[in-house]
């Protein structure tokens, strides 16, 4: 079973490794209610400010300027923030419940501007039988693109989130696989720095044989996975991350994964650039629930991964009718410490998306009608609950840039249900 990851609110494409910048916001939780000024910011997937987003706290609203900032005076904690994108291909309403930080930084799906792109052609020496090359472009903080090839050249479609030129390096790692595609040995390694790319530009670089001047060592990393009762055997894969930011989830997959309760992967050593090895395990149930967990892998360590059980939906029942902003949505929380995201998405050519970020297992959908985003009459929706761990408060979510938060280690997704509005 292939597990489809929401990787909530957010840029999915783990294999192309779009990542989120850290926010560095104050996460101090006041003791008891506190009144103060909220100075926040709306950002895109890489921490760049987003203009023209409607933000609301209570009855007050604010539209972000070029700096992405918003300010609300005399706000008492805990408070809720609404974020509204009412136009475009993905009209969306977001509610962040129970915030106590006065400096939230918020990223939400649909707020990422059209990215800059460039095509990088990388010529590499010929590869042998069963040999492949992982070709990666990174600016050291974020991996922007990667590909794996068995012949030269490699075409790398580089993507980044602002209009300025980007400068980074290209990493090439050769490895030999077995008949299943699993890595057997790491053979060659090299990198070229100071590669500058312009938006909509093209560039070509060439690695001669002498540029692949590192012969990596090859070690074995083994471990086990445990899945919830009745779930499919875990699919586990090895990820290598050359960035300074983010969790192991953002690494580049090397070779094929393993299926079952045990895994064993080959790990490179002696590379020029520092790197982290990650493990990603996924599983699912026949009824649609999904669970994903990531961890840092250690050669010689136990590497035992226990996947969490997803939330279980209670009310409203499947195919409920007459559901509106007064209807109570309830669910059991599943295992592991985390923050919940209830997501309701309408059917149709231009679906509407409503999200609630909360620590509660009982809630109602907020109304966004006054902001130009009504749920609509006799409109069909699909809803699920996603749990993001191991965050414990919504503060963690709005103050840490989500995937760049070192505490992120699992995501579970409930079975989906449908409902129709009056």
Protein backbone atom coordinates (compact mmCIF):
# COMPACT_ATOMS: atom_id res chain seq x y z
CA UNK A 1 0.00 0.00 0.00
CA UNK A 2 1.38 3.38 -0.91
CA UNK A 3 0.95 5.90 1.88
CA UNK A 4 -0.08 9.34 0.70
CA UNK A 5 1.33 12.05 2.97
CA UNK A 6 -0.48 15.33 3.55
CA UNK A 7 2.56 16.79 5.25
CA UNK A 8 0.03 19.12 6.26
CA UNK A 9 -0.71 22.63 5.27
CA UNK A 10 2.28 22.48 3.31
CA UNK A 11 4.69 21.60 0.64
CA UNK A 12 4.57 17.88 0.10
CA UNK A 13 7.39 16.86 -2.28
CA UNK A 14 9.71 15.42 0.29
CA UNK A 15 11.86 13.91 -2.44
CA UNK A 16 12.42 17.33 -3.95
CA UNK A 17 12.96 18.63 -0.44
CA UNK A 18 11.24 21.98 -0.18
CA UNK A 19 11.89 23.08 3.37
CA UNK A 20 10.75 25.69 5.76
CA UNK A 21 12.92 28.28 7.40
CA UNK A 22 13.12 28.42 11.16
CA UNK A 23 11.26 31.28 12.67
CA UNK A 24 13.10 32.03 15.84
CA UNK A 25 9.97 33.41 17.44
CA UNK A 26 9.34 33.64 21.15
CA UNK A 27 7.68 30.44 22.35
CA UNK A 28 7.41 31.43 25.99
CA UNK A 29 4.00 30.51 27.38
CA UNK A 30 2.67 33.02 29.91
CA UNK A 31 1.41 31.69 33.23
CA UNK A 32 -2.33 32.46 33.17
CA UNK A 33 -4.02 34.99 30.85
CA UNK A 34 -1.78 37.84 29.76
CA UNK A 35 -2.71 40.92 27.73
CA UNK A 36 -0.32 42.42 25.21
CA UNK A 37 0.37 43.33 21.59
CA UNK A 38 0.55 40.57 18.98
CA UNK A 39 3.30 41.22 16.45
CA UNK A 40 3.24 38.39 13.93
CA UNK A 41 4.25 37.57 10.39
CA UNK A 42 2.86 35.50 7.52
CA UNK A 43 5.56 33.70 5.55
CA UNK A 44 5.92 31.38 2.59
CA UNK A 45 7.60 27.97 2.55
CA UNK A 46 11.06 29.44 3.02
CA UNK A 47 10.37 32.19 5.50
CA UNK A 48 9.84 35.02 3.01
CA UNK A 49 7.08 37.52 3.95
CA UNK A 50 3.74 37.24 2.14
CA UNK A 51 1.74 40.35 1.28
CA UNK A 52 -2.03 40.75 1.06
CA UNK A 53 -3.14 38.00 3.47
CA UNK A 54 -6.12 38.71 5.70
CA UNK A 55 -5.42 37.95 9.37
CA UNK A 56 -8.08 38.20 12.08
CA UNK A 57 -8.16 37.97 15.88
CA UNK A 58 -11.68 38.23 17.27
CA UNK A 59 -13.54 40.99 15.43
CA UNK A 60 -10.38 42.82 14.37
CA UNK A 61 -8.69 42.11 11.04
CA UNK A 62 -5.45 43.15 9.37
CA UNK A 63 -4.09 42.71 5.85
CA UNK A 64 -0.36 42.06 5.65
CA UNK A 65 1.90 44.47 3.80
CA UNK A 66 5.10 43.78 1.89
CA UNK A 67 6.88 42.75 5.10
CA UNK A 68 4.21 40.14 5.89
CA UNK A 69 3.71 41.60 9.35
CA UNK A 70 0.49 42.04 11.29
CA UNK A 71 -0.21 43.77 14.60
CA UNK A 72 -3.11 43.54 17.05
CA UNK A 73 -3.24 45.52 20.29
CA UNK A 74 -4.70 44.55 23.66
CA UNK A 75 -4.97 40.81 22.96
CA UNK A 76 -5.45 38.47 25.92
CA UNK A 77 -4.01 34.96 25.82
CA UNK A 78 -4.95 32.36 24.86
CA UNK A 79 -6.32 33.66 21.58
CA UNK A 80 -7.26 32.32 18.14
CA UNK A 81 -5.94 33.55 14.80
CA UNK A 82 -7.82 33.29 11.52
CA UNK A 83 -5.93 33.42 8.24
CA UNK A 84 -7.90 33.85 5.02
CA UNK A 85 -7.02 33.34 1.37
CA UNK A 86 -10.39 33.85 -0.35
CA UNK A 87 -9.28 33.99 -3.99
CA UNK A 88 -7.19 31.92 -6.36
CA UNK A 89 -7.02 28.21 -7.11
CA UNK A 90 -7.10 27.15 -3.45
CA UNK A 91 -9.35 29.47 -1.39
CA UNK A 92 -8.56 28.59 2.20
CA UNK A 93 -9.48 29.51 5.75
CA UNK A 94 -7.25 28.66 8.72
CA UNK A 95 -7.91 28.79 12.43
CA UNK A 96 -5.03 28.49 14.92
CA UNK A 97 -6.54 27.87 18.38
CA UNK A 98 -5.13 28.56 21.81
CA UNK A 99 -2.07 30.65 20.95
CA UNK A 100 -0.19 32.25 23.85
CA UNK A 101 2.90 33.63 22.11
CA UNK A 102 2.75 37.30 21.11
CA UNK A 103 5.09 36.76 18.13
CA UNK A 104 3.48 34.07 15.95
CA UNK A 105 4.90 33.31 12.53
CA UNK A 106 2.46 31.54 10.29
CA UNK A 107 2.81 29.49 7.15
CA UNK A 108 -0.25 28.10 5.44
CA UNK A 109 -1.01 26.19 2.26
CA UNK A 110 -1.84 28.40 -0.69
CA UNK A 111 0.35 31.27 0.51
CA UNK A 112 3.50 30.24 -1.33
CA UNK A 113 4.11 32.53 -4.31
CA UNK A 114 5.10 31.17 -7.69
CA UNK A 115 8.63 29.87 -7.13
CA UNK A 116 11.73 30.70 -9.09
CA UNK A 117 13.03 27.87 -11.23
CA UNK A 118 16.14 27.04 -13.19
CA UNK A 119 17.29 24.02 -15.17
CA UNK A 120 20.72 22.71 -14.26
CA UNK A 121 22.34 20.16 -16.57
CA UNK A 122 25.07 18.14 -14.85
CA UNK A 123 27.45 16.12 -17.02
CA UNK A 124 29.04 13.23 -15.14
CA UNK A 125 31.43 10.39 -16.09
CA UNK A 126 29.85 7.20 -17.41
CA UNK A 127 28.36 4.84 -14.85
CA UNK A 128 28.97 1.12 -14.64
CA UNK A 129 26.51 -1.73 -14.55
CA UNK A 130 24.01 -1.40 -11.69
CA UNK A 131 25.56 1.95 -10.80
CA UNK A 132 23.57 5.11 -10.14
CA UNK A 133 24.38 8.69 -9.27
CA UNK A 134 22.47 10.89 -6.83
CA UNK A 135 22.82 14.50 -8.01
CA UNK A 136 21.82 17.16 -5.49
CA UNK A 137 21.72 20.98 -5.59
CA UNK A 138 21.79 22.70 -2.21
CA UNK A 139 22.51 26.16 -0.86
CA UNK A 140 23.64 24.44 2.37
CA UNK A 141 20.59 25.60 4.31
CA UNK A 142 17.97 24.00 2.03
CA UNK A 143 18.09 21.21 -0.51
CA UNK A 144 16.31 22.61 -3.54
CA UNK A 145 16.43 19.73 -5.97
CA UNK A 146 17.80 16.26 -6.57
CA UNK A 147 17.63 13.43 -9.05
CA UNK A 148 19.04 9.94 -9.42
CA UNK A 149 20.32 8.81 -12.81
CA UNK A 150 21.97 5.80 -14.44
CA UNK A 151 23.27 7.74 -17.45
CA UNK A 152 24.72 11.18 -18.09
CA UNK A 153 23.67 13.96 -18.12
CA UNK A 154 21.51 14.58 -15.08
CA UNK A 155 18.83 17.25 -15.41
CA UNK A 156 18.13 18.98 -12.11
CA UNK A 157 15.09 21.26 -11.94
CA UNK A 158 16.04 23.67 -9.19
CA UNK A 159 13.27 25.53 -7.35
CA UNK A 160 13.47 28.27 -4.74
CA UNK A 161 11.09 30.79 -3.19
CA UNK A 162 12.29 34.27 -4.07
CA UNK A 163 13.21 36.12 -7.25
CA UNK A 164 16.86 36.73 -6.38
CA UNK A 165 19.56 34.53 -7.92
CA UNK A 166 20.55 31.55 -5.82
CA UNK A 167 24.07 30.28 -5.19
CA UNK A 168 24.82 26.78 -4.01
CA UNK A 169 26.75 23.63 -4.70
CA UNK A 170 26.18 20.43 -6.62
CA UNK A 171 26.88 17.11 -4.91
CA UNK A 172 27.34 13.88 -6.88
CA UNK A 173 27.33 10.51 -5.10
CA UNK A 174 27.83 7.27 -7.05
CA UNK A 175 26.59 3.98 -5.65
CA UNK A 176 26.12 0.41 -6.87
CA UNK A 177 22.82 -1.36 -6.31
CA UNK A 178 21.67 -4.94 -6.38
CA UNK A 179 18.95 -6.34 -8.61
CA UNK A 180 16.26 -4.79 -6.37
CA UNK A 181 17.88 -1.35 -6.42
CA UNK A 182 19.13 -1.50 -2.84
CA UNK A 183 22.54 0.11 -2.27
CA UNK A 184 25.43 -2.35 -1.98
CA UNK A 185 28.43 0.02 -2.01
CA UNK A 186 29.14 3.74 -2.30
CA UNK A 187 31.73 4.27 -5.00
CA UNK A 188 32.55 7.90 -5.76
CA UNK A 189 31.79 11.36 -4.42
CA UNK A 190 32.48 14.91 -5.51
CA UNK A 191 31.05 18.42 -5.31
CA UNK A 192 31.32 21.78 -7.04
CA UNK A 193 30.63 25.02 -5.20
CA UNK A 194 29.64 28.59 -6.12
CA UNK A 195 27.04 27.54 -8.69
CA UNK A 196 24.83 30.59 -9.38
CA UNK A 197 21.38 30.24 -10.94
CA UNK A 198 18.90 32.86 -12.14
CA UNK A 199 15.14 32.56 -12.30
CA UNK A 200 14.09 30.92 -15.60
CA UNK A 201 17.75 30.37 -16.37
CA UNK A 202 19.70 27.37 -17.59
CA UNK A 203 23.19 26.30 -16.66
CA UNK A 204 25.52 23.40 -17.41
CA UNK A 205 28.36 22.09 -15.29
CA UNK A 206 30.64 19.14 -15.90
CA UNK A 207 32.20 16.71 -13.45
CA UNK A 208 35.33 15.09 -14.87
CA UNK A 209 36.55 11.80 -13.42
CA UNK A 210 39.04 13.71 -11.27
CA UNK A 211 36.26 15.77 -9.71
CA UNK A 212 34.83 12.63 -8.12
CA UNK A 213 37.89 12.37 -5.92
CA UNK A 214 36.43 10.87 -2.74
CA UNK A 215 35.94 7.14 -2.26
CA UNK A 216 33.28 6.82 0.44
CA UNK A 217 33.29 4.13 3.06
CA UNK A 218 30.25 1.85 3.31
CA UNK A 219 28.69 0.85 6.63
CA UNK A 220 25.51 -1.00 7.56
CA UNK A 221 22.60 0.53 9.47
CA UNK A 222 19.93 -1.88 10.71
CA UNK A 223 16.77 -1.59 12.75
CA UNK A 224 13.15 -2.58 13.33
CA UNK A 225 9.68 -1.14 12.80
CA UNK A 226 6.49 -1.78 14.75
CA UNK A 227 3.11 -0.85 13.28
CA UNK A 228 -0.35 -0.55 14.86
CA UNK A 229 -2.38 -3.77 14.97
CA UNK A 230 -3.95 -4.58 11.59
CA UNK A 231 -1.78 -2.16 9.61
CA UNK A 232 0.28 -3.02 6.54
CA UNK A 233 3.96 -3.89 7.02
CA UNK A 234 6.04 -0.73 7.32
CA UNK A 235 7.79 0.68 4.27
CA UNK A 236 11.11 2.13 5.44
CA UNK A 237 13.61 4.13 3.43
CA UNK A 238 17.02 5.68 4.04
CA UNK A 239 17.40 9.45 3.64
CA UNK A 240 20.61 11.48 3.44
CA UNK A 241 20.46 15.17 4.33
CA UNK A 242 23.20 17.67 3.47
CA UNK A 243 21.38 20.68 4.93
CA UNK A 244 21.78 22.52 8.22
CA UNK A 245 18.03 22.91 8.73
CA UNK A 246 15.05 20.67 9.21
CA UNK A 247 14.30 17.17 10.35
CA UNK A 248 15.53 13.91 8.75
CA UNK A 249 12.32 13.94 6.70
CA UNK A 250 13.87 16.38 4.25
CA UNK A 251 16.66 14.08 3.13
CA UNK A 252 17.20 12.51 -0.27
CA UNK A 253 16.21 8.84 -0.63
CA UNK A 254 19.06 6.50 -1.56
CA UNK A 255 18.23 3.19 -3.21
CA UNK A 256 15.07 1.23 -2.68
CA UNK A 257 13.34 0.93 0.68
CA UNK A 258 12.58 -2.08 2.84
CA UNK A 259 9.20 -3.64 3.60
CA UNK A 260 8.53 -5.48 6.84
CA UNK A 261 9.46 -5.38 10.53
CA UNK A 262 13.23 -5.23 9.94
CA UNK A 263 15.46 -3.17 7.67
CA UNK A 264 19.13 -2.95 6.75
CA UNK A 265 20.68 -0.17 4.69
CA UNK A 266 24.13 0.78 3.50
CA UNK A 267 25.34 4.19 4.72
CA UNK A 268 28.17 6.28 3.20
CA UNK A 269 31.03 7.75 5.20
CA UNK A 270 33.98 10.07 4.64
CA UNK A 271 32.12 12.59 2.48
CA UNK A 272 33.43 16.14 2.11
CA UNK A 273 30.23 17.82 3.30
CA UNK A 274 28.61 17.09 6.64
CA UNK A 275 25.41 15.07 6.41
CA UNK A 276 22.74 13.42 8.52
CA UNK A 277 21.18 10.02 7.94
CA UNK A 278 17.43 9.78 8.41
CA UNK A 279 14.88 6.99 8.37
CA UNK A 280 11.27 7.31 7.23
CA UNK A 281 8.74 4.57 7.96
CA UNK A 282 5.15 4.53 6.65
CA UNK A 283 2.16 2.25 7.05
CA UNK A 284 -1.59 2.30 6.59
CA UNK A 285 -4.85 0.52 7.32
CA UNK A 286 -7.33 -0.92 4.84
CA UNK A 287 -9.86 1.66 6.04
CA UNK A 288 -7.62 4.54 4.96
CA UNK A 289 -5.73 5.59 8.10
CA UNK A 290 -2.07 6.45 7.53
CA UNK A 291 0.97 6.82 9.76
CA UNK A 292 4.43 8.22 9.04
CA UNK A 293 7.42 8.48 11.36
CA UNK A 294 10.92 9.85 10.87
CA UNK A 295 14.04 9.41 12.95
CA UNK A 296 17.75 10.03 12.79
CA UNK A 297 19.56 6.82 11.87
CA UNK A 298 22.67 5.66 13.74
CA UNK A 299 25.15 3.05 12.58
CA UNK A 300 25.46 0.59 15.46
CA UNK A 301 22.33 1.97 17.18
CA UNK A 302 19.07 0.16 17.83
CA UNK A 303 17.09 2.25 15.26
CA UNK A 304 13.77 0.97 16.60
CA UNK A 305 10.80 2.84 15.07
CA UNK A 306 7.30 2.48 16.53
CA UNK A 307 4.62 4.05 14.33
CA UNK A 308 1.81 5.91 16.08
CA UNK A 309 -1.90 5.10 15.83
CA UNK A 310 -3.92 7.81 13.99
CA UNK A 311 -6.94 9.66 15.39
CA UNK A 312 -10.33 7.89 15.17
CA UNK A 313 -13.27 9.99 13.98
CA UNK A 314 -16.45 10.02 16.11
CA UNK A 315 -18.88 12.72 14.97
CA UNK A 316 -20.39 13.69 12.63
CA UNK A 317 -21.05 10.26 11.13
CA UNK A 318 -19.98 9.52 7.59
CA UNK A 319 -22.22 11.10 4.93
CA UNK A 320 -23.85 13.39 7.51
CA UNK A 321 -26.14 16.12 6.21
CA UNK A 322 -26.94 19.58 7.55
CA UNK A 323 -23.41 20.11 8.83
CA UNK A 324 -22.44 23.72 9.50
CA UNK A 325 -20.35 25.86 11.85
CA UNK A 326 -22.44 24.78 14.85
CA UNK A 327 -21.84 21.04 14.29
CA UNK A 328 -19.56 19.40 16.83
CA UNK A 329 -16.62 17.48 15.34
CA UNK A 330 -15.19 14.92 17.77
CA UNK A 331 -12.50 12.26 17.55
CA UNK A 332 -10.22 10.09 19.67
CA UNK A 333 -6.67 11.41 19.60
CA UNK A 334 -4.65 8.29 18.78
CA UNK A 335 -1.19 7.74 20.26
CA UNK A 336 1.76 10.07 20.67
CA UNK A 337 1.96 13.72 21.71
CA UNK A 338 0.93 16.10 18.98
CA UNK A 339 -1.19 18.92 17.60
CA UNK A 340 -4.31 18.16 15.56
CA UNK A 341 -5.32 19.64 12.23
CA UNK A 342 -8.90 19.11 11.12
CA UNK A 343 -9.10 19.62 7.37
CA UNK A 344 -12.38 19.95 5.46
CA UNK A 345 -12.23 20.21 1.67
CA UNK A 346 -15.19 20.79 -0.63
CA UNK A 347 -15.75 19.02 -3.93
CA UNK A 348 -15.90 20.87 -7.25
CA UNK A 349 -13.61 22.54 -9.74
CA UNK A 350 -12.42 25.12 -7.20
CA UNK A 351 -12.43 23.36 -3.84
CA UNK A 352 -12.47 25.31 -0.63
CA UNK A 353 -10.18 24.29 2.20
CA UNK A 354 -10.83 24.85 5.89
CA UNK A 355 -8.21 24.00 8.52
CA UNK A 356 -8.30 24.12 12.31
CA UNK A 357 -5.05 23.73 14.25
CA UNK A 358 -5.84 22.73 17.83
CA UNK A 359 -4.97 20.56 20.81
CA UNK A 360 -8.66 19.75 21.39
CA UNK A 361 -10.45 16.60 20.25
CA UNK A 362 -13.82 18.38 20.15
CA UNK A 363 -14.43 21.50 18.05
CA UNK A 364 -16.61 23.28 15.52
CA UNK A 365 -15.57 24.66 12.16
CA UNK A 366 -15.09 28.44 12.32
CA UNK A 367 -17.06 30.71 10.03
CA UNK A 368 -15.18 32.64 7.36
CA UNK A 369 -18.30 34.01 5.64
CA UNK A 370 -17.60 37.59 6.73
CA UNK A 371 -14.22 37.32 5.00
CA UNK A 372 -15.66 36.24 1.66
CA UNK A 373 -15.22 32.50 2.18
CA UNK A 374 -18.58 30.85 3.03
CA UNK A 375 -18.89 27.07 3.22
CA UNK A 376 -21.70 27.21 0.65
CA UNK A 377 -25.17 25.69 0.55
CA UNK A 378 -25.73 21.99 -0.18
CA UNK A 379 -21.99 21.61 -0.64
CA UNK A 380 -20.26 18.26 -0.21
CA UNK A 381 -17.06 18.06 1.85
CA UNK A 382 -14.47 15.47 2.79
CA UNK A 383 -12.84 15.77 6.21
CA UNK A 384 -9.93 14.16 8.01
CA UNK A 385 -7.87 14.79 11.14
CA UNK A 386 -4.10 14.93 10.92
CA UNK A 387 -1.92 14.68 14.01
CA UNK A 388 1.53 16.28 13.94
CA UNK A 389 4.03 15.14 16.56
CA UNK A 390 5.69 15.56 18.81
CA UNK A 391 4.52 19.17 19.12
CA UNK A 392 2.47 19.74 22.25
CA UNK A 393 0.91 23.18 21.65
CA UNK A 394 -0.21 25.28 18.71
CA UNK A 395 2.56 27.66 19.81
CA UNK A 396 5.04 25.04 18.62
CA UNK A 397 3.37 25.08 15.25
CA UNK A 398 3.28 28.84 14.71
CA UNK A 399 6.66 29.54 16.26
CA UNK A 400 8.89 26.89 14.77
CA UNK A 401 8.36 26.73 11.03
CA UNK A 402 6.89 23.24 11.32
CA UNK A 403 9.20 20.96 9.32
CA UNK A 404 12.27 22.85 10.44
CA UNK A 405 11.24 22.13 14.01
CA UNK A 406 13.61 19.52 15.39
CA UNK A 407 10.77 18.07 17.47
CA UNK A 408 8.79 16.98 14.39
CA UNK A 409 8.92 13.20 14.19
CA UNK A 410 5.57 11.81 13.11
CA UNK A 411 2.35 12.47 11.28
CA UNK A 412 -0.80 10.37 11.41
CA UNK A 413 -3.95 10.74 9.33
CA UNK A 414 -7.40 9.50 10.23
CA UNK A 415 -9.86 7.74 7.97
CA UNK A 416 -11.75 10.29 5.84
CA UNK A 417 -15.47 11.01 6.04
CA UNK A 418 -17.90 13.12 4.04
CA UNK A 419 -20.61 15.60 4.97
CA UNK A 420 -22.94 18.03 3.23
CA UNK A 421 -23.86 21.54 4.34
CA UNK A 422 -27.51 22.66 4.66
